[in-house]
């Protein structure tokens, strides 16, 4: 199904070609509804290129433009902008098409890719903390949107389950472990023995050396140490899975760093043979002499003592994802501090001959009310599990105040959808590059740009249909049989505005992947909810006479469908009651 934006862009390109000016022209949604629904600045761009008057060029373009079936007469405004205002009958026709479409007008991409998305990536032997929320939620939303658009998505949780910290964990396990504490709270006890060992190693060279020897034994395959390591990994994964279940997130792969351990010697050998790496002062190093940005930032891939590091593992990871998973693209949803690291890794991959699209999708930090990194009172990172459980607890309190007659099971289910949805939406509604302040009051508010506000709009619509006593939900009917058409007669401005915004869902969903910005979709859904409330206040639904009553019910139904689908693409569920 062709969107208004795509249709008008094609007509504009035809007009430019017929006018002998250019073959394409950018057309965007208007930033101010007073100037129409869509606009283009192509006349300004061409005027600058050709040294001609932009308004005159705009008039020339209009003389070759045929959009009478879609728009009112386009207007030239300002320094040469061309503004387009959609015709109500065109909006009505398009809305009927969207109503009949199970994808709500969103076309699948014509160029499907196999995309590996690396997100989440917690470290074993440590609880997930609030700093993991951005990578986890953002990565999941991008995966959902990409999959809906027709891409083949592989979700990969690159667990940090190998490294020098395990020497200390194993030493602490053998010398300091409290088995009863381990049973009560496994990760808390593992963190305790690690911290205590770390403190001892800092002041006692013998402990430090003992930790190093435990690591050497682990890497050499010592059975006792491998068994301890396996138990630590299993206990950590249990905790992670509890968090992922709360968040409604799944992974297709959970290949930790240990998965690549046996591949690392081969990675170094290959890079040496290819001349990409060289031996320097006993270490194996990649130099970036042809890259001005990285020329003074060499990358060590094997240390002097023969040990490997994160860089070696990440190069092996690229090899695996491109060669064995056959990825066309790999997206790394990892914080900004790793920017230099990934520039180096991607440069190595290009020198290896890989053509896959490698992207580092960075994001800002979660701040407390004091505008500093969010911490507990003792200065520790806030455990993510505790934060999510607190969100559900606070949401339940709101549910009990608003609707105390619900069953306990309903209260728990609704509270989880509201609480988890609020945390996710608060994150995804921000431009990913910026830091944001975590505020319970704001994210759980029933007004403003929040998940509860959007969920409440959906619940309000569902209550309309309960009062109507009729089943207006979409039927998954066969195309041949056809789905019962809902009559539409758009006369009032609020219902025309709502229908127009519903038709634009198909324009915003693909746009959210451009620049990896789910906040574009959240902003659209917020504006949609505002448009629905304006429509509902101005246009009676159940009390209207036919055919207006059925037409407005159809708009309500489509709004609910778009809110549910749009929030679903963000990983947010909607309750039927609140």
Protein backbone atom coordinates (compact mmCIF):
# COMPACT_ATOMS: atom_id res chain seq x y z
CA UNK A 1 0.00 0.00 0.00
CA UNK A 2 1.38 3.38 -1.02
CA UNK A 3 1.49 6.11 1.62
CA UNK A 4 0.52 9.71 0.93
CA UNK A 5 4.14 10.76 1.39
CA UNK A 6 5.44 8.21 -1.11
CA UNK A 7 2.70 8.98 -3.64
CA UNK A 8 3.29 12.74 -3.50
CA UNK A 9 7.07 12.25 -3.67
CA UNK A 10 6.65 10.23 -6.88
CA UNK A 11 4.34 12.86 -8.39
CA UNK A 12 6.85 15.55 -7.45
CA UNK A 13 9.69 13.62 -9.10
CA UNK A 14 7.60 13.25 -12.26
CA UNK A 15 6.91 16.99 -12.29
CA UNK A 16 10.59 17.82 -11.86
CA UNK A 17 11.53 15.49 -14.71
CA UNK A 18 8.84 16.93 -16.97
CA UNK A 19 10.03 20.44 -16.16
CA UNK A 20 13.59 19.45 -17.05
CA UNK A 21 14.84 20.30 -13.57
CA UNK A 22 15.72 17.08 -11.76
CA UNK A 23 14.59 13.50 -11.30
CA UNK A 24 13.92 13.48 -7.57
CA UNK A 25 12.84 15.86 -4.86
CA UNK A 26 12.54 15.47 -1.10
CA UNK A 27 9.06 15.78 0.36
CA UNK A 28 8.48 15.79 4.12
CA UNK A 29 5.59 16.13 6.51
CA UNK A 30 4.83 19.77 7.25
CA UNK A 31 6.19 20.98 10.57
CA UNK A 32 3.28 23.42 11.00
CA UNK A 33 -0.26 22.26 10.10
CA UNK A 34 -1.17 25.84 9.17
CA UNK A 35 0.90 25.35 6.04
CA UNK A 36 -0.63 22.04 5.01
CA UNK A 37 0.22 18.37 5.48
CA UNK A 38 3.39 17.98 3.40
CA UNK A 39 5.98 20.34 1.96
CA UNK A 40 9.09 20.41 -0.18
CA UNK A 41 11.99 22.85 -0.38
CA UNK A 42 13.20 21.49 -3.73
CA UNK A 43 12.70 24.88 -5.42
CA UNK A 44 15.03 26.52 -2.87
CA UNK A 45 17.68 23.84 -3.41
CA UNK A 46 17.45 24.09 -7.21
CA UNK A 47 17.40 27.88 -7.05
CA UNK A 48 20.67 27.90 -5.14
CA UNK A 49 22.24 25.36 -7.52
CA UNK A 50 21.07 27.14 -10.70
CA UNK A 51 21.25 30.74 -9.53
CA UNK A 52 17.54 31.20 -10.26
CA UNK A 53 14.60 32.62 -8.34
CA UNK A 54 13.13 29.86 -6.05
CA UNK A 55 9.47 31.08 -6.11
CA UNK A 56 9.61 31.20 -9.92
CA UNK A 57 11.04 27.68 -10.00
CA UNK A 58 8.30 26.56 -7.60
CA UNK A 59 5.63 27.91 -9.95
CA UNK A 60 7.31 26.11 -12.87
CA UNK A 61 7.23 22.84 -10.93
CA UNK A 62 3.55 23.36 -10.08
CA UNK A 63 2.70 23.79 -13.75
CA UNK A 64 3.84 20.19 -14.32
CA UNK A 65 2.47 18.74 -11.07
CA UNK A 66 -0.62 16.52 -11.12
CA UNK A 67 -1.97 15.88 -7.60
CA UNK A 68 -5.61 16.95 -8.01
CA UNK A 69 -6.87 13.52 -6.92
CA UNK A 70 -4.96 13.72 -3.64
CA UNK A 71 -4.51 17.37 -2.68
CA UNK A 72 -6.08 20.75 -2.76
CA UNK A 73 -4.30 23.16 -5.11
CA UNK A 74 -0.63 23.23 -3.89
CA UNK A 75 0.61 26.63 -2.74
CA UNK A 76 3.96 28.37 -2.98
CA UNK A 77 4.91 29.96 0.33
CA UNK A 78 7.75 31.99 1.78
CA UNK A 79 11.06 31.82 -0.04
CA UNK A 80 9.86 29.07 -2.37
CA UNK A 81 8.38 26.22 -0.31
CA UNK A 82 5.63 24.17 -1.95
CA UNK A 83 2.89 23.13 0.49
CA UNK A 84 0.43 20.27 0.01
CA UNK A 85 -2.91 19.90 1.80
CA UNK A 86 -4.68 16.53 1.51
CA UNK A 87 -8.26 16.38 0.26
CA UNK A 88 -10.82 14.98 2.75
CA UNK A 89 -12.12 12.47 0.18
CA UNK A 90 -8.55 11.21 -0.39
CA UNK A 91 -8.10 10.80 3.38
CA UNK A 92 -11.40 8.94 3.57
CA UNK A 93 -10.41 6.58 0.76
CA UNK A 94 -6.97 5.89 2.27
CA UNK A 95 -8.49 5.27 5.72
CA UNK A 96 -10.79 2.63 4.24
CA UNK A 97 -7.73 0.90 2.73
CA UNK A 98 -5.90 0.97 6.08
CA UNK A 99 -8.96 -0.43 7.85
CA UNK A 100 -8.91 -3.44 5.54
CA UNK A 101 -5.15 -4.02 5.90
CA UNK A 102 -3.82 -6.29 8.66
CA UNK A 103 -0.53 -4.36 8.53
CA UNK A 104 -2.36 -1.04 9.03
CA UNK A 105 -0.90 0.33 5.82
CA UNK A 106 2.75 -0.38 6.65
CA UNK A 107 4.46 -1.94 3.61
CA UNK A 108 7.20 -4.53 4.00
CA UNK A 109 10.64 -3.45 2.83
CA UNK A 110 11.57 -4.26 -0.75
CA UNK A 111 15.18 -4.96 0.27
CA UNK A 112 15.08 -7.40 3.19
CA UNK A 113 18.32 -7.98 5.09
CA UNK A 114 19.55 -10.49 7.65
CA UNK A 115 20.42 -8.28 10.62
CA UNK A 116 22.23 -9.37 13.77
CA UNK A 117 21.41 -6.99 16.64
CA UNK A 118 23.83 -7.10 19.58
CA UNK A 119 22.11 -5.61 22.63
CA UNK A 120 21.87 -6.03 26.39
CA UNK A 121 25.19 -7.83 26.99
CA UNK A 122 25.43 -7.99 30.80
CA UNK A 123 28.44 -9.37 32.65
CA UNK A 124 28.27 -12.69 34.45
CA UNK A 125 28.78 -12.67 38.24
CA UNK A 126 27.19 -9.24 38.48
CA UNK A 127 23.48 -8.30 38.63
CA UNK A 128 22.11 -6.28 35.73
CA UNK A 129 21.82 -2.64 36.73
CA UNK A 130 19.97 0.45 35.53
CA UNK A 131 22.75 1.15 33.03
CA UNK A 132 21.65 -1.92 31.06
CA UNK A 133 18.13 -0.61 30.49
CA UNK A 134 18.96 1.56 27.49
CA UNK A 135 20.81 -1.04 25.44
CA UNK A 136 18.25 -3.74 26.29
CA UNK A 137 15.09 -1.74 25.60
CA UNK A 138 16.45 0.13 22.58
CA UNK A 139 17.84 -3.03 21.00
CA UNK A 140 14.57 -4.88 21.51
CA UNK A 141 12.52 -2.06 19.96
CA UNK A 142 14.81 -1.86 16.92
CA UNK A 143 14.57 -5.64 16.52
CA UNK A 144 10.76 -5.56 16.66
CA UNK A 145 10.49 -2.70 14.16
CA UNK A 146 13.02 -4.21 11.75
CA UNK A 147 11.28 -7.60 11.90
CA UNK A 148 7.87 -6.04 11.30
CA UNK A 149 9.25 -4.26 8.25
CA UNK A 150 10.30 -7.60 6.79
CA UNK A 151 13.94 -7.98 7.81
CA UNK A 152 15.27 -11.25 9.19
CA UNK A 153 16.47 -10.37 12.67
CA UNK A 154 18.84 -12.35 14.91
CA UNK A 155 18.88 -11.06 18.50
CA UNK A 156 22.28 -11.79 20.08
CA UNK A 157 23.06 -11.31 23.78
CA UNK A 158 26.86 -11.05 23.87
CA UNK A 159 27.30 -12.06 27.53
CA UNK A 160 30.48 -11.02 29.34
CA UNK A 161 31.28 -14.47 30.71
CA UNK A 162 35.07 -14.64 30.35
CA UNK A 163 37.88 -12.46 31.58
CA UNK A 164 40.29 -11.58 34.33
CA UNK A 165 37.57 -11.05 36.97
CA UNK A 166 36.98 -14.79 37.09
CA UNK A 167 40.36 -15.37 38.71
CA UNK A 168 39.10 -13.36 41.68
CA UNK A 169 35.64 -14.94 41.62
CA UNK A 170 37.12 -18.46 41.67
CA UNK A 171 39.58 -17.58 44.44
CA UNK A 172 36.73 -16.10 46.48
CA UNK A 173 34.55 -19.13 45.75
CA UNK A 174 37.20 -21.49 47.13
CA UNK A 175 38.17 -19.39 50.14
CA UNK A 176 35.31 -17.09 51.15
CA UNK A 177 32.03 -18.57 49.91
CA UNK A 178 29.00 -18.77 52.26
CA UNK A 179 26.86 -21.57 50.80
CA UNK A 180 23.72 -20.54 52.67
CA UNK A 181 24.04 -16.98 51.43
CA UNK A 182 24.56 -18.36 47.92
CA UNK A 183 21.26 -20.21 48.14
CA UNK A 184 19.39 -17.16 49.45
CA UNK A 185 20.72 -14.65 46.90
CA UNK A 186 23.27 -16.15 44.48
CA UNK A 187 24.43 -12.99 42.70
CA UNK A 188 24.70 -10.96 45.89
CA UNK A 189 27.02 -13.60 47.38
CA UNK A 190 29.12 -13.83 44.20
CA UNK A 191 29.49 -10.04 44.16
CA UNK A 192 30.45 -10.10 47.85
CA UNK A 193 33.25 -12.65 47.42
CA UNK A 194 34.53 -10.82 44.35
CA UNK A 195 34.68 -7.48 46.16
CA UNK A 196 36.36 -8.97 49.22
CA UNK A 197 38.91 -10.80 47.08
CA UNK A 198 39.59 -7.66 45.07
CA UNK A 199 40.22 -5.71 48.28
CA UNK A 200 42.60 -8.39 49.59
CA UNK A 201 44.45 -8.60 46.26
CA UNK A 202 45.02 -4.85 46.28
CA UNK A 203 47.05 -5.08 49.50
CA UNK A 204 48.40 -8.64 49.41
CA UNK A 205 50.67 -9.74 46.53
CA UNK A 206 50.20 -13.41 47.45
CA UNK A 207 46.42 -13.16 47.02
CA UNK A 208 46.92 -11.28 43.77
CA UNK A 209 49.18 -14.03 42.45
CA UNK A 210 46.77 -16.73 43.65
CA UNK A 211 43.96 -15.07 41.69
CA UNK A 212 46.15 -14.97 38.60
CA UNK A 213 46.90 -18.67 38.96
CA UNK A 214 43.20 -19.50 39.27
CA UNK A 215 42.58 -17.64 36.01
CA UNK A 216 45.42 -19.50 34.29
CA UNK A 217 43.94 -22.82 35.46
CA UNK A 218 40.49 -21.79 34.19
CA UNK A 219 41.83 -20.85 30.78
CA UNK A 220 43.79 -24.11 30.65
CA UNK A 221 40.59 -26.11 31.21
CA UNK A 222 41.08 -27.18 34.86
CA UNK A 223 37.95 -29.19 35.75
CA UNK A 224 37.39 -27.73 39.22
CA UNK A 225 37.67 -24.16 37.96
CA UNK A 226 35.53 -24.87 34.91
CA UNK A 227 32.85 -26.33 37.19
CA UNK A 228 32.90 -23.22 39.40
CA UNK A 229 32.75 -21.01 36.31
CA UNK A 230 29.80 -22.98 34.89
CA UNK A 231 27.91 -22.63 38.17
CA UNK A 232 28.54 -18.87 38.25
CA UNK A 233 27.30 -18.54 34.67
CA UNK A 234 24.18 -20.62 35.36
CA UNK A 235 23.28 -18.62 38.49
CA UNK A 236 23.81 -15.34 36.63
CA UNK A 237 21.68 -16.46 33.68
CA UNK A 238 18.83 -17.34 36.05
CA UNK A 239 18.84 -13.76 37.32
CA UNK A 240 19.11 -12.34 33.80
CA UNK A 241 16.21 -14.48 32.60
CA UNK A 242 14.00 -13.17 35.40
CA UNK A 243 14.70 -9.61 34.19
CA UNK A 244 14.12 -10.53 30.55
CA UNK A 245 10.82 -12.20 31.46
CA UNK A 246 9.68 -9.01 33.21
CA UNK A 247 10.71 -6.97 30.16
CA UNK A 248 9.14 -9.42 27.70
CA UNK A 249 12.43 -9.76 25.83
CA UNK A 250 13.86 -12.85 24.16
CA UNK A 251 17.11 -13.63 22.39
CA UNK A 252 17.79 -15.95 19.47
CA UNK A 253 21.43 -16.37 20.52
CA UNK A 254 23.28 -15.86 23.79
CA UNK A 255 26.86 -16.37 22.63
CA UNK A 256 29.06 -15.15 25.45
CA UNK A 257 32.70 -14.21 25.13
CA UNK A 258 33.61 -17.79 26.11
CA UNK A 259 31.98 -19.03 22.88
CA UNK A 260 34.80 -17.36 20.92
CA UNK A 261 37.68 -18.32 23.19
CA UNK A 262 38.94 -21.24 21.06
CA UNK A 263 38.77 -19.09 17.93
CA UNK A 264 41.10 -16.34 19.15
CA UNK A 265 44.48 -17.90 18.19
CA UNK A 266 43.16 -18.40 14.64
CA UNK A 267 41.97 -14.78 14.48
CA UNK A 268 45.46 -13.52 15.35
CA UNK A 269 47.13 -15.88 12.88
CA UNK A 270 44.81 -14.80 10.06
CA UNK A 271 45.41 -11.10 10.70
CA UNK A 272 49.17 -11.65 10.80
CA UNK A 273 49.14 -13.62 7.54
CA UNK A 274 46.99 -10.97 5.85
CA UNK A 275 49.39 -8.23 6.92
CA UNK A 276 46.64 -6.48 8.87
CA UNK A 277 48.42 -7.11 12.17
CA UNK A 278 52.11 -7.14 13.03
CA UNK A 279 54.35 -7.97 15.96
CA UNK A 280 55.42 -4.92 17.93
CA UNK A 281 57.49 -5.09 21.14
CA UNK A 282 56.35 -8.68 21.71
CA UNK A 283 52.63 -7.99 21.24
CA UNK A 284 50.47 -8.46 18.14
CA UNK A 285 49.12 -5.07 17.11
CA UNK A 286 46.94 -3.59 14.37
CA UNK A 287 48.09 -0.14 13.26
CA UNK A 288 45.78 2.21 11.36
CA UNK A 289 48.35 4.21 9.43
CA UNK A 290 45.95 4.97 6.54
CA UNK A 291 43.17 6.20 8.82
CA UNK A 292 43.89 9.75 10.07
CA UNK A 293 41.34 9.39 12.87
CA UNK A 294 42.97 6.22 14.23
CA UNK A 295 46.58 6.68 13.11
CA UNK A 296 47.85 7.24 16.66
CA UNK A 297 45.55 4.65 18.26
CA UNK A 298 46.91 1.12 17.66
CA UNK A 299 44.87 -1.92 18.66
CA UNK A 300 46.50 -4.76 20.62
CA UNK A 301 44.97 -8.16 19.78
CA UNK A 302 47.49 -10.37 21.62
CA UNK A 303 49.39 -9.16 24.65
CA UNK A 304 53.08 -9.75 25.31
CA UNK A 305 52.23 -12.57 27.72
CA UNK A 306 50.19 -14.31 24.98
CA UNK A 307 46.82 -13.33 26.42
CA UNK A 308 43.90 -12.08 24.35
CA UNK A 309 41.48 -9.24 25.06
CA UNK A 310 38.08 -7.76 24.18
CA UNK A 311 39.35 -6.58 20.80
CA UNK A 312 40.36 -10.10 19.79
CA UNK A 313 36.98 -11.43 20.88
CA UNK A 314 35.06 -8.73 19.00
CA UNK A 315 37.00 -9.40 15.79
CA UNK A 316 36.16 -13.10 16.17
CA UNK A 317 32.54 -12.09 16.72
CA UNK A 318 32.43 -10.15 13.44
CA UNK A 319 33.96 -13.16 11.66
CA UNK A 320 31.30 -15.47 13.11
CA UNK A 321 28.36 -13.18 12.39
CA UNK A 322 29.37 -12.49 8.79
CA UNK A 323 30.75 -15.90 7.79
CA UNK A 324 28.51 -18.29 9.74
CA UNK A 325 25.35 -16.30 10.48
CA UNK A 326 25.53 -14.74 6.98
CA UNK A 327 24.62 -11.29 8.32
CA UNK A 328 24.08 -8.46 5.84
CA UNK A 329 24.21 -6.00 8.74
CA UNK A 330 25.33 -6.06 12.36
CA UNK A 331 24.02 -3.44 14.77
CA UNK A 332 25.84 -2.97 18.09
CA UNK A 333 23.59 -1.25 20.63
CA UNK A 334 26.40 -0.29 22.99
CA UNK A 335 27.15 2.86 25.00
CA UNK A 336 29.11 5.85 23.71
CA UNK A 337 32.31 5.09 25.73
CA UNK A 338 32.98 2.21 23.31
CA UNK A 339 33.02 4.49 20.24
CA UNK A 340 36.79 4.29 19.63
CA UNK A 341 36.80 0.53 20.17
CA UNK A 342 34.15 -0.08 17.51
CA UNK A 343 35.78 2.30 15.04
CA UNK A 344 38.89 0.15 15.33
CA UNK A 345 36.98 -3.14 15.05
CA UNK A 346 35.02 -1.94 12.01
CA UNK A 347 38.23 -0.73 10.33
CA UNK A 348 39.77 -4.19 10.83
CA UNK A 349 36.62 -5.80 9.40
CA UNK A 350 36.77 -3.64 6.27
CA UNK A 351 40.44 -4.55 5.81
CA UNK A 352 39.45 -8.20 6.09
CA UNK A 353 37.17 -7.58 3.10
CA UNK A 354 33.81 -7.66 4.85
CA UNK A 355 31.08 -5.60 3.20
CA UNK A 356 28.36 -6.12 5.84
CA UNK A 357 26.85 -2.89 7.19
CA UNK A 358 28.40 -2.55 10.69
CA UNK A 359 26.76 0.07 12.91
CA UNK A 360 27.52 1.23 16.43
CA UNK A 361 24.24 2.55 17.85
CA UNK A 362 25.22 4.69 20.82
CA UNK A 363 23.02 6.15 23.53
CA UNK A 364 23.16 8.48 26.51
CA UNK A 365 22.97 7.70 30.23
CA UNK A 366 20.17 7.34 32.76
CA UNK A 367 20.48 10.07 35.40
CA UNK A 368 19.02 10.44 38.85
CA UNK A 369 17.09 13.49 40.07
CA UNK A 370 20.46 15.06 40.94
CA UNK A 371 21.41 14.87 37.21
CA UNK A 372 24.22 12.44 37.99
CA UNK A 373 24.48 8.78 36.99
CA UNK A 374 21.68 6.95 38.79
CA UNK A 375 23.04 5.25 41.92
CA UNK A 376 21.78 3.87 45.22
CA UNK A 377 22.38 5.85 48.43
CA UNK A 378 25.48 3.77 49.07
CA UNK A 379 26.85 4.74 45.66
CA UNK A 380 26.18 1.38 43.98
CA UNK A 381 24.53 0.92 40.60
CA UNK A 382 20.76 0.45 40.94
CA UNK A 383 19.93 -3.23 40.23
CA UNK A 384 17.66 -3.44 37.19
CA UNK A 385 15.57 -6.24 38.68
CA UNK A 386 14.77 -4.12 41.74
CA UNK A 387 13.94 -1.10 39.58
CA UNK A 388 11.48 -3.09 37.43
CA UNK A 389 9.84 -4.68 40.47
CA UNK A 390 9.50 -1.21 42.03
CA UNK A 391 7.83 0.01 38.82
CA UNK A 392 5.26 -2.79 39.04
CA UNK A 393 4.70 -2.07 42.74
CA UNK A 394 4.08 1.65 42.14
CA UNK A 395 1.81 0.91 39.17
CA UNK A 396 -0.23 -1.54 41.27
CA UNK A 397 -0.82 1.16 43.86
CA UNK A 398 -2.23 3.40 41.10
CA UNK A 399 -4.41 0.56 39.77
CA UNK A 400 -5.83 -0.17 43.23
CA UNK A 401 -6.68 3.51 43.70
CA UNK A 402 -8.37 3.81 40.30
CA UNK A 403 -10.11 0.43 40.12
CA UNK A 404 -10.21 -1.40 43.50
CA UNK A 405 -12.87 -3.87 42.32
CA UNK A 406 -10.52 -5.73 40.00
CA UNK A 407 -9.42 -9.24 40.92
CA UNK A 408 -5.94 -9.78 42.36
CA UNK A 409 -4.88 -11.48 39.14
CA UNK A 410 -6.12 -8.55 37.04
CA UNK A 411 -4.39 -6.04 39.31
CA UNK A 412 -1.07 -7.89 38.99
CA UNK A 413 -1.34 -8.21 35.21
CA UNK A 414 -2.35 -4.59 34.64
CA UNK A 415 0.28 -3.27 37.07
CA UNK A 416 3.00 -5.17 35.24
CA UNK A 417 1.88 -3.84 31.84
CA UNK A 418 1.72 -0.27 33.14
CA UNK A 419 4.91 -0.36 35.25
CA UNK A 420 7.17 -2.08 32.71
CA UNK A 421 5.61 -0.09 29.86
CA UNK A 422 6.28 3.17 31.72
CA UNK A 423 9.97 2.35 32.21
CA UNK A 424 10.41 1.34 28.56
CA UNK A 425 8.53 4.32 27.16
CA UNK A 426 10.41 6.81 29.36
CA UNK A 427 13.61 5.53 27.76
CA UNK A 428 12.43 5.13 24.16
CA UNK A 429 10.67 8.50 24.02
CA UNK A 430 14.04 10.23 24.43
CA UNK A 431 16.39 10.86 21.54
CA UNK A 432 18.82 8.02 22.15
CA UNK A 433 21.96 10.22 22.13
CA UNK A 434 20.82 12.34 25.06
CA UNK A 435 20.91 11.62 28.78
CA UNK A 436 17.58 11.60 30.58
CA UNK A 437 16.44 11.98 34.17
CA UNK A 438 14.67 8.98 35.67
CA UNK A 439 11.49 10.20 37.39
CA UNK A 440 8.83 7.84 38.76
CA UNK A 441 6.28 10.64 38.94
CA UNK A 442 6.66 11.63 35.29
CA UNK A 443 6.86 8.17 33.76
CA UNK A 444 3.77 6.84 35.60
CA UNK A 445 1.66 9.95 34.97
CA UNK A 446 -1.67 9.44 33.18
CA UNK A 447 -1.16 12.74 31.36
CA UNK A 448 1.63 13.87 29.06
CA UNK A 449 3.96 11.90 26.83
CA UNK A 450 3.96 8.66 28.84
CA UNK A 451 3.07 5.02 28.31
CA UNK A 452 0.16 5.16 30.82
CA UNK A 453 -1.37 8.04 28.84
CA UNK A 454 -1.27 6.01 25.63
CA UNK A 455 -2.43 2.84 27.37
CA UNK A 456 -5.30 4.80 28.90
CA UNK A 457 -6.32 6.04 25.44
CA UNK A 458 -6.50 2.42 24.27
CA UNK A 459 -8.49 1.39 27.37
CA UNK A 460 -10.88 4.28 26.82
CA UNK A 461 -11.56 3.07 23.28
CA UNK A 462 -12.12 -0.50 24.42
CA UNK A 463 -14.67 0.78 26.96
CA UNK A 464 -16.53 2.50 24.12
CA UNK A 465 -17.02 -0.86 22.41
CA UNK A 466 -18.06 -2.52 25.65
CA UNK A 467 -20.75 0.14 26.01
CA UNK A 468 -21.69 -0.26 22.35
CA UNK A 469 -22.34 -3.94 22.97
CA UNK A 470 -21.03 -4.82 19.53
CA UNK A 471 -17.90 -6.55 18.28
CA UNK A 472 -16.04 -4.10 16.11
CA UNK A 473 -12.59 -5.62 16.40
CA UNK A 474 -10.76 -6.49 13.20
CA UNK A 475 -11.60 -9.92 11.77
CA UNK A 476 -8.74 -11.98 10.26
CA UNK A 477 -11.04 -12.76 7.33
CA UNK A 478 -9.78 -14.20 4.08
CA UNK A 479 -9.16 -11.53 1.43
CA UNK A 480 -11.47 -13.39 -0.97
CA UNK A 481 -14.33 -13.40 1.51
CA UNK A 482 -13.51 -9.85 2.51
CA UNK A 483 -13.76 -8.15 5.88
CA UNK A 484 -17.01 -6.36 6.73
CA UNK A 485 -16.38 -2.83 5.46
CA UNK A 486 -16.90 -0.09 7.98
CA UNK A 487 -18.66 2.92 6.48
CA UNK A 488 -16.75 6.17 6.65
CA UNK A 489 -18.11 9.67 6.32
CA UNK A 490 -15.60 12.24 7.50
CA UNK A 491 -17.24 15.64 7.89
CA UNK A 492 -15.95 17.25 11.08
CA UNK A 493 -12.40 18.60 11.22
CA UNK A 494 -11.39 16.53 14.33
CA UNK A 495 -12.38 13.26 12.61
CA UNK A 496 -10.58 14.26 9.42
CA UNK A 497 -7.46 15.11 11.44
CA UNK A 498 -7.65 11.78 13.30
CA UNK A 499 -8.09 9.79 10.08
CA UNK A 500 -5.19 11.60 8.46
CA UNK A 501 -2.93 10.83 11.40
CA UNK A 502 -3.97 7.17 11.32
CA UNK A 503 -2.99 6.98 7.66
CA UNK A 504 0.47 8.32 8.56
CA UNK A 505 1.33 5.36 10.82
CA UNK A 506 2.83 3.69 7.75
CA UNK A 507 5.14 6.67 7.25
CA UNK A 508 6.46 6.83 10.80
CA UNK A 509 7.27 3.16 11.38
CA UNK A 510 9.99 2.89 8.66
CA UNK A 511 11.26 6.34 9.61
CA UNK A 512 12.01 5.08 13.14
CA UNK A 513 14.80 2.90 11.71
CA UNK A 514 16.41 5.84 9.92
CA UNK A 515 19.00 6.90 12.44
CA UNK A 516 17.73 4.20 14.82
CA UNK A 517 15.26 6.52 16.55
CA UNK A 518 12.25 4.83 18.18
CA UNK A 519 11.42 8.22 19.70
CA UNK A 520 9.98 9.14 16.28
CA UNK A 521 7.40 6.39 16.76
CA UNK A 522 6.68 7.35 20.39
CA UNK A 523 6.11 10.97 19.37
CA UNK A 524 3.73 9.83 16.61
CA UNK A 525 1.73 7.68 19.05
CA UNK A 526 1.54 10.56 21.54
CA UNK A 527 0.20 12.90 18.85
CA UNK A 528 -2.24 10.19 17.74
CA UNK A 529 -3.59 9.87 21.28
CA UNK A 530 -3.95 13.66 21.44
CA UNK A 531 -5.83 13.64 18.12
CA UNK A 532 -8.11 10.88 19.38
CA UNK A 533 -8.95 12.77 22.58
CA UNK A 534 -9.68 15.94 20.57
CA UNK A 535 -11.94 13.89 18.26
CA UNK A 536 -13.70 12.16 21.16
CA UNK A 537 -14.42 15.44 22.94
CA UNK A 538 -15.74 17.15 19.79
CA UNK A 539 -17.52 14.27 18.05
CA UNK A 540 -20.06 12.13 19.95
CA UNK A 541 -19.69 8.48 19.02
CA UNK A 542 -22.36 6.25 20.54
CA UNK A 543 -25.01 8.98 20.60
CA UNK A 544 -24.56 9.89 16.92
CA UNK A 545 -27.06 8.85 14.27
CA UNK A 546 -26.15 6.40 11.53
CA UNK A 547 -24.12 6.37 9.36
CA UNK A 548 -22.01 8.76 11.45
CA UNK A 549 -22.10 6.45 14.49
CA UNK A 550 -20.59 3.52 12.59
CA UNK A 551 -18.06 5.80 10.91
CA UNK A 552 -16.83 7.12 14.23
CA UNK A 553 -16.74 3.64 15.72
CA UNK A 554 -14.55 2.64 12.78
CA UNK A 555 -12.16 5.49 13.58
CA UNK A 556 -12.10 4.40 17.23
CA UNK A 557 -11.37 0.81 16.23
CA UNK A 558 -8.53 1.82 13.92
CA UNK A 559 -7.05 4.10 16.58
CA UNK A 560 -7.02 1.23 19.07
CA UNK A 561 -5.39 -1.04 16.51
CA UNK A 562 -2.65 1.49 15.72
CA UNK A 563 -1.97 2.24 19.40
CA UNK A 564 -1.73 -1.46 20.20
CA UNK A 565 0.50 -2.24 17.21
CA UNK A 566 2.67 0.84 17.67
CA UNK A 567 3.24 0.21 21.37
CA UNK A 568 3.85 -3.46 20.58
CA UNK A 569 6.66 -2.46 18.24
CA UNK A 570 8.21 -0.73 21.24
CA UNK A 571 7.80 -3.85 23.38
CA UNK A 572 4.94 -2.32 25.40
CA UNK A 573 1.71 -4.20 26.13
CA UNK A 574 -1.73 -2.63 26.49
CA UNK A 575 -4.23 -3.64 29.18
CA UNK A 576 -7.96 -3.93 28.44
CA UNK A 577 -8.77 -2.15 31.71
CA UNK A 578 -6.95 0.29 33.98
